[in-house]
Amino acid sequence: MNPLLVFLLFLKASSLSFGGLGGLPTLHQDLVSRGVSEDVFGQALAVARLSPGPNGLYMVSLGYEVGGLSGALAATAALIIPPFSILIILVWYLRVAHLRRTDNALLMLSMALAGLLGFTSWQIVRGSSTNVAEWAAGLLGFIATARFRLHPLVLIGGAAVAGIAIYH
């Protein structure tokens, strides 16, 4: 994929989110419509989750998946520009931060983002696997994360052991 196109798509996603996985729905829609498979998203997210650092670094691995080294560099630049631009907006925000209207707007924005993330996650999971054992492992991982607050390394280790046991 053209590095300029990668930069523009990732800049849009990075600019329209508040970091972390917030840009995932936008990127998913833009890249899938251009022929990128669900597996590429799954691999990029897995690499980013296993790597140290912020959640938003999945964009760098996704940029690499779709455009090689130039795609990774374009995604990195697109990831860096919005936070630096936010400093200008911060000056304005400090003038309106005390208003109740501002709090309500930010709450509604976070709820909309949570809904988009849930829907996008469902699309990625649904498109990635048709194996019942993999679905069961995903469901167990979700329950273990939500209910027991297990450390991610425990879940990764458990999934690795289960994968070896099932597919050996």
Protein backbone atom coordinates (compact mmCIF):
# COMPACT_ATOMS: atom_id res chain seq x y z
CA MET A 1 0.00 0.00 0.00
CA ASN A 2 1.18 3.51 -0.80
CA PRO A 3 2.95 5.12 2.24
CA LEU A 4 1.11 8.41 1.70
CA LEU A 5 -2.23 6.62 1.80
CA VAL A 6 -1.14 4.70 4.92
CA PHE A 7 -0.13 8.00 6.54
CA LEU A 8 -3.43 9.72 5.69
CA LEU A 9 -5.62 6.79 6.83
CA PHE A 10 -3.68 6.36 10.06
CA LEU A 11 -3.61 10.13 10.68
CA LYS A 12 -7.40 10.20 10.35
CA ALA A 13 -7.77 7.31 12.80
CA SER A 14 -5.24 8.78 15.22
CA SER A 15 -6.82 12.23 15.03
CA LEU A 16 -10.34 10.95 15.63
CA SER A 17 -9.48 8.91 18.71
CA PHE A 18 -8.19 9.50 22.20
CA GLY A 19 -5.35 6.97 22.02
CA GLY A 20 -5.19 3.29 22.78
CA LEU A 21 -7.54 1.23 20.65
CA GLY A 22 -9.77 4.21 19.88
CA GLY A 23 -8.71 4.40 16.24
CA LEU A 24 -9.32 0.72 15.59
CA PRO A 25 -12.90 1.03 14.24
CA THR A 26 -11.89 3.74 11.77
CA LEU A 27 -8.80 1.87 10.60
CA HIS A 28 -10.73 -1.37 10.35
CA GLN A 29 -13.36 0.18 8.11
CA ASP A 30 -10.85 2.02 5.92
CA LEU A 31 -8.40 -0.86 5.47
CA VAL A 32 -10.91 -3.71 5.06
CA SER A 33 -12.61 -1.71 2.30
CA ARG A 34 -9.17 -1.63 0.61
CA GLY A 35 -8.66 -5.41 0.83
CA VAL A 36 -6.80 -5.89 4.13
CA SER A 37 -7.89 -9.14 5.80
CA GLU A 38 -9.16 -9.68 9.33
CA ASP A 39 -6.13 -11.88 10.00
CA VAL A 40 -3.80 -8.91 9.45
CA PHE A 41 -5.72 -6.98 12.12
CA GLY A 42 -5.55 -9.90 14.51
CA GLN A 43 -1.81 -10.29 14.01
CA ALA A 44 -1.12 -6.58 14.43
CA LEU A 45 -3.18 -6.44 17.62
CA ALA A 46 -1.48 -9.55 19.00
CA VAL A 47 1.99 -8.13 18.34
CA ALA A 48 1.04 -4.82 19.95
CA ARG A 49 -0.51 -6.45 23.02
CA LEU A 50 2.56 -8.63 23.53
CA SER A 51 4.90 -5.66 23.15
CA PRO A 52 5.62 -3.26 26.00
CA GLY A 53 4.24 0.24 25.70
CA PRO A 54 0.91 1.92 25.04
CA ASN A 55 -2.02 0.18 23.35
CA GLY A 56 -1.88 2.58 20.40
CA LEU A 57 1.32 0.98 19.13
CA TYR A 58 -0.79 -1.57 17.25
CA MET A 59 -0.91 1.11 14.56
CA VAL A 60 2.83 0.74 13.94
CA SER A 61 2.61 -3.04 13.52
CA LEU A 62 -0.52 -2.64 11.38
CA GLY A 63 1.32 -0.07 9.25
CA TYR A 64 4.13 -2.56 8.81
CA GLU A 65 1.68 -5.30 7.84
CA VAL A 66 0.05 -3.19 5.12
CA GLY A 67 3.05 -1.23 3.85
CA GLY A 68 6.31 -2.72 5.07
CA LEU A 69 8.93 -0.48 6.65
CA SER A 70 7.66 2.65 4.90
CA GLY A 71 4.14 1.84 6.13
CA ALA A 72 5.42 1.48 9.69
CA LEU A 73 7.21 4.84 9.46
CA ALA A 74 4.12 6.50 7.98
CA ALA A 75 1.94 5.03 10.75
CA THR A 76 4.43 6.20 13.38
CA ALA A 77 4.36 9.75 12.02
CA ALA A 78 0.56 9.67 11.91
CA LEU A 79 0.52 8.42 15.50
CA ILE A 80 2.82 11.19 16.74
CA ILE A 81 1.30 14.28 15.08
CA PRO A 82 -2.08 14.47 16.92
CA PRO A 83 -0.66 14.40 20.48
CA PHE A 84 1.63 17.28 19.66
CA SER A 85 -1.25 19.19 18.08
CA ILE A 86 -3.34 18.66 21.19
CA LEU A 87 -1.17 21.12 23.12
CA ILE A 88 -2.79 23.98 21.21
CA ILE A 89 -6.25 22.61 21.94
CA LEU A 90 -5.36 22.16 25.61
CA VAL A 91 -5.02 25.91 26.07
CA TRP A 92 -8.58 26.37 24.81
CA TYR A 93 -9.90 23.40 26.80
CA LEU A 94 -8.62 24.80 30.09
CA ARG A 95 -10.96 27.75 29.55
CA VAL A 96 -14.08 25.52 29.26
CA ALA A 97 -13.10 22.51 31.41
CA HIS A 98 -15.11 23.66 34.40
CA LEU A 99 -18.40 23.69 32.46
CA ARG A 100 -20.90 20.87 33.04
CA ARG A 101 -21.62 20.82 29.31
CA THR A 102 -18.00 19.83 28.67
CA ASP A 103 -18.23 16.91 31.11
CA ASN A 104 -21.44 15.65 29.50
CA ALA A 105 -20.01 15.88 25.99
CA LEU A 106 -16.92 13.89 26.98
CA LEU A 107 -19.05 11.24 28.70
CA MET A 108 -21.20 10.76 25.58
CA LEU A 109 -18.10 10.60 23.41
CA SER A 110 -16.59 7.85 25.57
CA MET A 111 -19.84 5.83 25.45
CA ALA A 112 -19.95 6.07 21.65
CA LEU A 113 -16.34 4.96 21.43
CA ALA A 114 -16.98 1.97 23.71
CA GLY A 115 -19.83 0.87 21.42
CA LEU A 116 -17.69 1.20 18.30
CA LEU A 117 -14.86 -0.79 19.90
CA GLY A 118 -17.24 -3.57 20.93
CA PHE A 119 -18.72 -3.84 17.44
CA THR A 120 -15.32 -3.80 15.74
CA SER A 121 -13.96 -6.41 18.14
CA TRP A 122 -16.91 -8.65 17.31
CA GLN A 123 -16.27 -8.26 13.56
CA ILE A 124 -12.60 -9.15 13.93
CA VAL A 125 -13.31 -12.19 16.11
CA ARG A 126 -16.12 -13.41 13.88
CA GLY A 127 -13.99 -13.08 10.75
CA SER A 128 -10.87 -14.69 12.23
CA SER A 129 -12.02 -18.17 13.22
CA THR A 130 -14.65 -20.83 12.65
CA ASN A 131 -13.11 -23.34 15.08
CA VAL A 132 -15.26 -24.02 18.17
CA ALA A 133 -12.19 -24.60 20.38
CA GLU A 134 -10.82 -21.16 19.47
CA TRP A 135 -14.18 -19.53 20.23
CA ALA A 136 -14.30 -21.35 23.58
CA ALA A 137 -10.77 -20.17 24.39
CA GLY A 138 -11.73 -16.60 23.53
CA LEU A 139 -14.86 -16.77 25.68
CA LEU A 140 -12.92 -18.25 28.60
CA GLY A 141 -10.27 -15.55 28.23
CA PHE A 142 -12.95 -12.85 28.23
CA ILE A 143 -14.63 -14.29 31.33
CA ALA A 144 -11.29 -14.73 33.12
CA THR A 145 -10.32 -11.15 32.32
CA ALA A 146 -13.67 -9.63 33.28
CA ARG A 147 -14.39 -11.73 36.37
CA PHE A 148 -11.05 -12.61 37.94
CA ARG A 149 -8.80 -9.73 36.83
CA LEU A 150 -5.98 -12.10 35.92
CA HIS A 151 -2.65 -10.75 34.74
CA PRO A 152 -2.37 -10.87 30.91
CA LEU A 153 0.71 -13.10 31.11
CA VAL A 154 -1.33 -15.73 32.95
CA LEU A 155 -3.94 -15.63 30.18
CA ILE A 156 -1.31 -15.78 27.44
CA GLY A 157 0.41 -18.72 29.14
CA GLY A 158 -2.89 -20.53 29.62
CA ALA A 159 -3.82 -19.97 25.97
CA ALA A 160 -0.41 -21.26 24.87
CA VAL A 161 -0.75 -24.43 26.97
CA ALA A 162 -4.30 -24.99 25.71
CA GLY A 163 -3.20 -24.43 22.11
CA ILE A 164 -0.38 -26.92 22.44
CA ALA A 165 -2.71 -29.46 24.07
CA ILE A 166 -5.45 -29.07 21.44
CA TYR A 167 -3.35 -28.81 18.30
CA HIS A 168 -0.53 -31.19 19.21
